[in-house]
Protein backbone atom coordinates (compact mmCIF):
# COMPACT_ATOMS: atom_id res chain seq x y z
CA MET A 1 -5.58 -9.53 14.64
CA THR A 2 -4.71 -13.33 14.50
CA ALA A 3 -0.73 -13.47 16.26
CA TYR A 4 1.40 -15.28 12.86
CA ASP A 5 4.78 -15.54 11.59
CA ALA A 6 5.63 -15.60 7.68
CA VAL A 7 7.71 -17.48 5.79
CA VAL A 8 8.53 -16.24 2.35
CA LEU A 9 10.05 -18.39 0.06
CA ALA A 10 12.66 -16.49 -2.31
CA GLY A 11 14.84 -18.92 -4.02
CA GLY A 12 14.06 -20.75 -7.23
CA ALA A 13 15.82 -20.86 -10.67
CA ALA A 14 13.72 -18.36 -12.47
CA GLY A 15 13.96 -20.37 -15.35
CA ARG A 16 11.39 -18.87 -17.65
CA LEU A 17 13.03 -15.47 -16.87
CA GLY A 18 16.60 -16.44 -18.22
CA GLY A 19 17.72 -17.10 -14.37
CA ALA A 20 17.41 -13.81 -13.48
CA ASP A 21 17.11 -12.90 -9.53
CA LYS A 22 13.04 -12.39 -9.64
CA PRO A 23 12.86 -11.40 -5.96
CA ALA A 24 15.21 -8.57 -6.97
CA LEU A 25 13.49 -7.55 -9.97
CA SER A 26 11.44 -4.03 -9.91
CA VAL A 27 7.73 -3.06 -10.10
CA GLY A 28 6.48 0.27 -9.30
CA GLY A 29 10.21 0.96 -8.01
CA ARG A 30 10.05 -1.15 -5.36
CA THR A 31 11.30 -5.21 -5.39
CA LEU A 32 9.25 -7.89 -5.60
CA LEU A 33 10.35 -9.23 -2.62
CA ASP A 34 10.03 -5.58 -0.73
CA ARG A 35 6.55 -5.48 -1.91
CA VAL A 36 5.37 -9.18 -0.59
CA LEU A 37 7.43 -7.84 2.76
CA GLY A 38 5.54 -4.59 2.85
CA ALA A 39 1.89 -6.95 2.78
CA CYS A 40 3.21 -9.10 6.10
CA ALA A 41 4.97 -5.76 7.97
CA ASP A 42 3.11 -7.03 11.48
CA ALA A 43 4.27 -10.42 11.25
CA GLY A 44 5.93 -11.86 14.51
CA ASP A 45 8.93 -12.90 12.92
CA THR A 46 9.59 -13.37 9.28
CA VAL A 47 11.83 -15.96 7.69
CA VAL A 48 12.92 -15.48 3.89
CA VAL A 49 14.18 -18.37 2.37
CA GLY A 50 16.42 -17.69 -0.41
CA PRO A 51 20.12 -15.93 -0.78
CA ARG A 52 20.32 -13.08 1.26
CA ARG A 53 19.15 -9.36 -0.35
CA PRO A 54 19.01 -5.93 0.34
CA THR A 55 15.60 -6.01 1.92
CA VAL A 56 13.54 -2.32 2.96
CA ARG A 57 13.23 -4.46 6.72
CA ALA A 58 14.94 -6.65 8.52
CA VAL A 59 14.42 -10.24 8.67
CA ARG A 60 15.91 -13.77 9.24
CA TRP A 61 17.08 -15.63 6.57
CA ALA A 62 17.33 -18.77 6.23
CA ARG A 63 18.24 -21.47 3.23
CA GLU A 64 17.01 -25.35 2.04
CA GLN A 65 19.52 -27.94 1.81
CA PRO A 66 20.22 -28.22 -0.77
CA PRO A 67 20.02 -25.09 -2.11
CA GLY A 68 17.43 -25.35 -4.99
CA GLY A 69 15.52 -28.24 -2.97
CA GLY A 70 11.95 -27.00 -4.24
CA PRO A 71 9.24 -25.72 -2.15
CA LEU A 72 8.65 -28.02 0.51
CA ALA A 73 12.42 -28.08 1.29
CA ALA A 74 12.45 -24.17 1.73
CA LEU A 75 9.01 -24.12 3.40
CA ASP A 76 10.66 -26.78 6.17
CA ALA A 77 13.82 -24.75 6.13
CA GLY A 78 11.33 -21.30 7.09
CA LEU A 79 9.27 -23.27 9.70
CA ARG A 80 12.42 -24.15 11.60
CA HIS A 81 12.64 -20.39 12.77
CA THR A 82 9.05 -19.80 13.68
CA ALA A 83 7.08 -19.72 16.73
CA ALA A 84 3.39 -18.62 16.27
CA ALA A 85 0.40 -20.85 15.96
CA THR A 86 -0.13 -19.69 12.20
CA THR A 87 2.30 -19.30 9.65
CA LEU A 88 1.72 -17.30 6.86
CA VAL A 89 3.32 -18.71 3.33
CA LEU A 90 4.02 -16.66 0.38
CA SER A 91 5.96 -16.54 -2.84
CA ALA A 92 8.34 -13.88 -3.46
CA ASP A 93 7.06 -12.48 -6.42
CA LEU A 94 3.83 -11.27 -6.14
CA PRO A 95 3.40 -7.49 -7.22
CA PHE A 96 -0.40 -6.91 -5.78
CA LEU A 97 -0.71 -8.68 -2.57
CA ARG A 98 -1.28 -6.21 0.00
CA ALA A 99 -1.85 -5.92 3.91
CA GLU A 100 -5.81 -6.10 3.34
CA THR A 101 -5.31 -9.59 1.98
CA VAL A 102 -2.82 -11.03 4.35
CA ARG A 103 -5.52 -9.74 7.26
CA ALA A 104 -8.51 -11.26 5.32
CA LEU A 105 -6.83 -14.47 5.14
CA LEU A 106 -5.68 -14.37 8.82
CA ARG A 107 -9.30 -13.62 9.65
CA GLU A 108 -10.66 -16.72 7.47
CA VAL A 109 -8.48 -18.99 9.52
CA ALA A 110 -9.41 -17.71 12.72
CA ARG A 111 -13.35 -17.82 11.91
CA ARG A 112 -13.27 -21.29 10.53
CA GLY A 113 -11.47 -22.64 13.72
CA SER A 114 -10.39 -26.51 13.51
CA ALA A 115 -12.90 -26.84 10.65
CA VAL A 116 -9.81 -26.16 8.45
CA GLU A 117 -6.18 -26.51 8.81
CA GLY A 118 -5.34 -23.63 6.30
CA VAL A 119 -6.83 -21.07 4.34
CA LEU A 120 -5.17 -20.33 0.34
CA LEU A 121 -6.44 -18.01 -2.20
CA ALA A 122 -8.09 -18.94 -5.15
CA ASP A 123 -7.28 -17.32 -8.64
CA PRO A 124 -10.00 -15.81 -10.89
CA GLY A 125 -9.87 -19.18 -12.76
CA GLY A 126 -10.71 -21.30 -9.26
CA ARG A 127 -7.09 -22.47 -8.96
CA ASP A 128 -5.68 -22.64 -5.63
CA GLN A 129 -2.75 -20.61 -4.80
CA PRO A 130 -1.29 -22.50 -1.84
CA LEU A 131 2.29 -19.89 -1.62
CA VAL A 132 -0.23 -17.59 -0.87
CA ALA A 133 -1.88 -18.71 2.09
CA ALA A 134 -2.25 -19.14 6.15
CA TYR A 135 -1.75 -22.58 7.72
CA ARG A 136 -1.81 -23.92 11.20
CA THR A 137 2.06 -24.41 12.17
CA GLU A 138 1.29 -27.98 13.41
CA SER A 139 -0.10 -28.99 10.76
CA LEU A 140 2.69 -28.01 8.35
CA ARG A 141 5.34 -29.67 10.81
CA ARG A 142 3.20 -32.73 11.03
CA GLU A 143 2.82 -33.21 7.21
CA LEU A 144 6.03 -32.27 5.77
CA ALA A 145 7.86 -34.76 8.68
CA LEU A 146 5.55 -37.54 7.34
CA LEU A 147 6.54 -36.75 3.64
CA ALA A 148 9.97 -36.59 4.85
CA ALA A 149 9.94 -40.14 6.41
CA GLU A 150 8.01 -41.46 3.16
CA TYR A 151 10.12 -40.21 0.63
CA GLY A 152 13.63 -40.12 2.73
CA SER A 153 14.02 -36.16 1.52
CA LEU A 154 11.89 -32.82 0.79
CA SER A 155 14.01 -32.06 -1.79
CA GLY A 156 12.10 -31.93 -5.29
CA LEU A 157 8.87 -32.89 -4.20
CA PRO A 158 6.33 -30.81 -5.36
CA LEU A 159 3.88 -28.90 -3.07
CA ARG A 160 0.73 -30.62 -3.89
CA LEU A 161 1.99 -33.65 -2.13
CA LEU A 162 1.36 -31.62 1.10
CA THR A 163 -1.71 -29.15 0.58
CA ALA A 164 -3.56 -32.81 -0.26
CA GLU A 165 -3.06 -34.05 3.25
CA LEU A 166 -4.55 -30.92 4.35
CA SER A 167 -8.11 -29.58 5.24
CA LEU A 168 -7.97 -26.08 3.33
CA GLY A 169 -10.54 -23.51 2.84
CA ARG A 170 -10.48 -21.04 -0.03
CA LEU A 171 -10.56 -17.36 -0.31
CA PRO A 172 -11.22 -16.12 -3.83
CA HIS A 173 -9.24 -13.00 -5.01
CA PRO A 174 -8.94 -10.92 -8.03
CA ASP A 175 -5.55 -10.36 -8.34
CA ALA A 176 -3.33 -10.71 -4.98
CA SER A 177 -2.39 -14.03 -6.65
CA PHE A 178 -0.90 -12.73 -9.60
CA ASP A 179 2.57 -14.11 -9.41
CA CYS A 180 6.04 -12.94 -12.27
CA ASP A 181 7.03 -16.13 -13.60
CA THR A 182 8.03 -14.36 -17.09
CA TRP A 183 9.00 -11.47 -18.47
CA GLU A 184 5.35 -10.79 -19.90
CA ASP A 185 3.98 -11.22 -16.64
CA VAL A 186 6.72 -8.59 -15.25
CA ALA A 187 5.19 -6.15 -18.10
CA ALA A 188 2.05 -6.69 -17.10
CA ALA A 189 2.63 -5.98 -13.95
CA ARG A 190 4.69 -2.66 -14.24
CA ALA A 191 1.95 -1.43 -17.00
CA ARG A 192 -0.60 -2.70 -14.62
CA ILE A 193 0.63 -0.67 -11.57
CA ARG A 194 0.49 2.62 -14.11
CA ASP A 195 -3.09 2.05 -14.65
CA ASP A 196 -5.14 5.50 -13.90
CA GLY A 197 -7.33 3.71 -11.56
CA ARG A 198 -4.06 2.60 -9.22
CA VAL A 199 -1.16 4.55 -9.96
CA LEU A 200 -1.85 6.97 -7.39
CA ASP A 201 -1.76 4.40 -4.81
CA GLU A 202 0.81 2.77 -5.63
CA TRP A 203 2.95 5.49 -5.65
CA ILE A 204 1.90 6.78 -2.12
CA THR A 205 2.41 3.06 -0.67
CA ALA A 206 5.69 3.17 -2.52
CA ALA A 207 6.79 6.16 -1.06
CA LYS A 208 6.09 5.83 2.47
CA ALA A 209 8.13 2.38 1.74
CA GLU A 210 10.91 4.53 0.79
CA LEU A 211 10.73 7.24 3.46
CA GLY A 212 10.16 4.68 6.19
CA ILE A 213 6.52 5.97 7.12
CA ASP A 214 3.51 4.11 8.30
CA LEU A 215 0.58 6.52 7.91
CA ASP A 216 -2.64 6.30 6.54
CA VAL A 217 -3.10 8.73 3.83
CA ASP A 218 -6.58 10.83 2.77
CA THR A 219 -5.08 11.22 -0.85
CA ALA A 220 -8.53 12.64 -1.35
CA ALA A 221 -8.23 15.58 1.00
CA LEU A 222 -4.59 15.96 -0.18
CA LEU A 223 -5.44 16.51 -3.60
CA ASP A 224 -8.19 18.84 -2.62
CA LEU A 225 -6.10 21.36 -1.15
CA ALA A 226 -3.56 20.41 -4.05
CA ARG A 227 -6.03 21.98 -6.20
CA ASP A 228 -7.25 24.92 -3.84
CA ALA A 229 -3.95 25.90 -3.48
CA ALA A 230 -2.97 25.86 -7.38
CA HIS A 231 -6.28 27.15 -8.55
CA GLY A 232 -6.31 30.11 -5.72
CA VAL A 233 -2.96 30.88 -5.25
CA ALA A 234 -0.22 29.77 -7.97
CA ARG A 235 0.43 26.55 -9.76
CA PRO A 236 3.83 25.88 -7.14
CA ALA A 237 1.50 26.71 -3.72
CA ALA A 238 0.20 23.19 -4.66
CA PRO A 239 3.70 20.58 -3.76
CA LEU A 240 4.23 23.45 -1.57
CA THR A 241 1.58 23.46 0.51
CA THR A 242 1.53 19.72 1.06
CA PHE A 243 5.03 19.45 2.17
CA LEU A 244 3.97 22.20 4.68
CA VAL A 245 1.03 20.28 6.02
CA GLY A 246 3.35 17.12 6.17
CA TYR A 247 6.26 18.81 7.87
CA ALA A 248 4.10 20.70 10.25
CA ALA A 249 2.05 17.44 11.34
CA ALA A 250 5.36 15.92 12.12
CA GLN A 251 6.25 18.34 14.21
CA ARG A 252 3.38 17.70 16.16
CA GLY A 253 3.80 14.10 16.57
CA GLY A 254 2.81 12.65 13.32
CA GLY A 255 -0.86 10.72 13.05
CA PRO A 256 -3.40 10.78 10.72
CA GLU A 257 -5.63 13.43 13.17
CA ALA A 258 -2.83 15.70 12.80
CA VAL A 259 -2.43 15.76 8.86
CA ALA A 260 -6.36 15.75 8.59
CA GLU A 261 -6.46 18.86 10.77
CA LEU A 262 -3.80 20.68 9.14
CA THR A 263 -4.85 19.82 6.11
CA ARG A 264 -8.50 21.37 6.86
CA LYS A 265 -6.53 24.78 8.03
CA ALA A 266 -4.69 24.87 4.82
CA VAL A 267 -7.84 24.27 2.95
CA ALA A 268 -9.36 27.20 4.60
CA LEU A 269 -6.46 29.58 4.01
CA ALA A 270 -6.39 28.96 0.33
CA GLN A 271 -10.20 29.55 0.05
CA ARG A 272 -9.39 32.61 1.85
CA TRP A 273 -6.59 33.90 -0.22
CA ALA A 274 -8.56 32.83 -3.30
CA ALA A 275 -12.09 34.67 -2.05
CA GLU A 276 -9.85 38.06 -1.69
CA GLU A 277 -8.42 37.83 -4.74
CA ALA A 278 -11.39 37.44 -6.71
CA GLU A 279 -13.17 40.55 -4.56
CA GLY A 280 -10.75 42.97 -6.17
CA PRO A 281 -9.51 46.06 -4.71
CA GLY A 282 -11.81 47.80 -2.41
CA GLY A 283 -13.47 44.48 -1.65
CA ALA A 284 -15.55 44.74 -5.13
CA ALA A 285 -15.29 41.83 -7.63
CA PRO A 286 -13.60 42.75 -10.52
CA ALA A 287 -16.03 43.48 -13.84
CA GLY A 288 -17.08 39.98 -15.23
CA ARG A 289 -16.06 38.15 -12.22
CA PRO A 290 -18.48 37.24 -9.28
CA ALA A 291 -17.24 38.02 -5.50
CA THR A 292 -16.45 34.81 -3.49
CA THR A 293 -17.08 35.07 0.41
CA ALA A 294 -17.53 32.90 3.46
CA PRO A 295 -21.23 31.73 4.46
CA GLY A 296 -23.20 34.36 5.93
CA ARG A 297 -20.93 37.11 4.79
CA PRO A 298 -21.95 39.61 2.33
CA ALA A 299 -19.56 40.10 -0.45
CA GLY A 300 -16.95 42.57 -0.62
CA GLY A 301 -15.98 43.48 2.81
CA GLN A 302 -18.19 46.44 3.24
CA GLY A 303 -21.47 45.18 2.77
CA HIS A 304 -22.01 45.92 -0.68
CA ARG A 305 -23.60 43.65 -2.88
CA PRO A 306 -21.83 43.22 -6.36
CA GLY A 307 -22.78 46.04 -8.87
CA ASP A 308 -24.00 48.59 -6.33
CA LYS A 309 -22.59 51.85 -6.78
CA ASP A 310 -19.67 53.14 -4.57
CA PRO A 311 -21.42 54.96 -1.48
CA ARG A 312 -18.78 57.75 -1.56
CA SER A 313 -18.87 60.19 -4.09
CA ASP A 314 -17.26 60.35 -7.26
CA ASP A 315 -14.84 62.88 -5.78
CA GLU A 316 -14.34 61.16 -2.50
CA ALA A 317 -13.38 57.71 -4.89
CA GLU A 318 -10.67 59.93 -6.96
CA GLU A 319 -9.32 61.52 -3.93
CA SER A 320 -8.53 58.16 -2.47
CA GLU A 321 -6.74 57.00 -5.57
């Protein structure tokens, strides 16, 4: 992947939010700023331009002069602390930005080579989103210097003066450029994150960030394990078993391979447990319930078919009881 630095603009007055500290607002259990920082976690250097706030990972802080001078002044302040040839520029209020989108932007810049000076996202309406974009760093510095010379200062200048001078590509995306400018936007983001279609992915991402782990989780496999443990053993076995799988994986050094192997073992154990319960005492399935067995193994443990008469005599059966 293309090496890059990230500049996150986290200043601004948030006038439509009544002056609230927008980057510190929580969506899905994480602040908007932390969500953005999670999407660019593999940046070489990450510079956040704005007032210092608690963040989930270490960043470099910068301030435009004067504070509140607008996006061009903030971008200029951030670029003074970067060195990579490519700079990812982001606003701090993007609840649906993911690392996959960042990687797609960087790939597109690399693919187009010298034909473009940056690639920015386009929203579903076709509007450019210059604060969700990857730029060639020297092109940014050149145009910012020219604008500063022309206007005497970058303070208060609109972002379009910069993008109008750059050769840019576009990358359409359905929701990564959604930003939270109003309380209605914040409410919509919080509601969307809790939709059935994405709530588990959002929760797992938030939990990993909170716990400080970076692990690809096979959600479907773990849910299958939890189901097997709950149905075949007892309902409380589901969370306890998944915890034990995670603990055992950590003891082995962690990693998705360890989780996958231990998940398979736990699923097999839960299935064996359920099979024994289904077979009932003495290897015969309870009345009205078919026996469950491993493939290729006759039901009942003694080679009998369900419904076969016990080969022992009635007297022997009574004595054995």
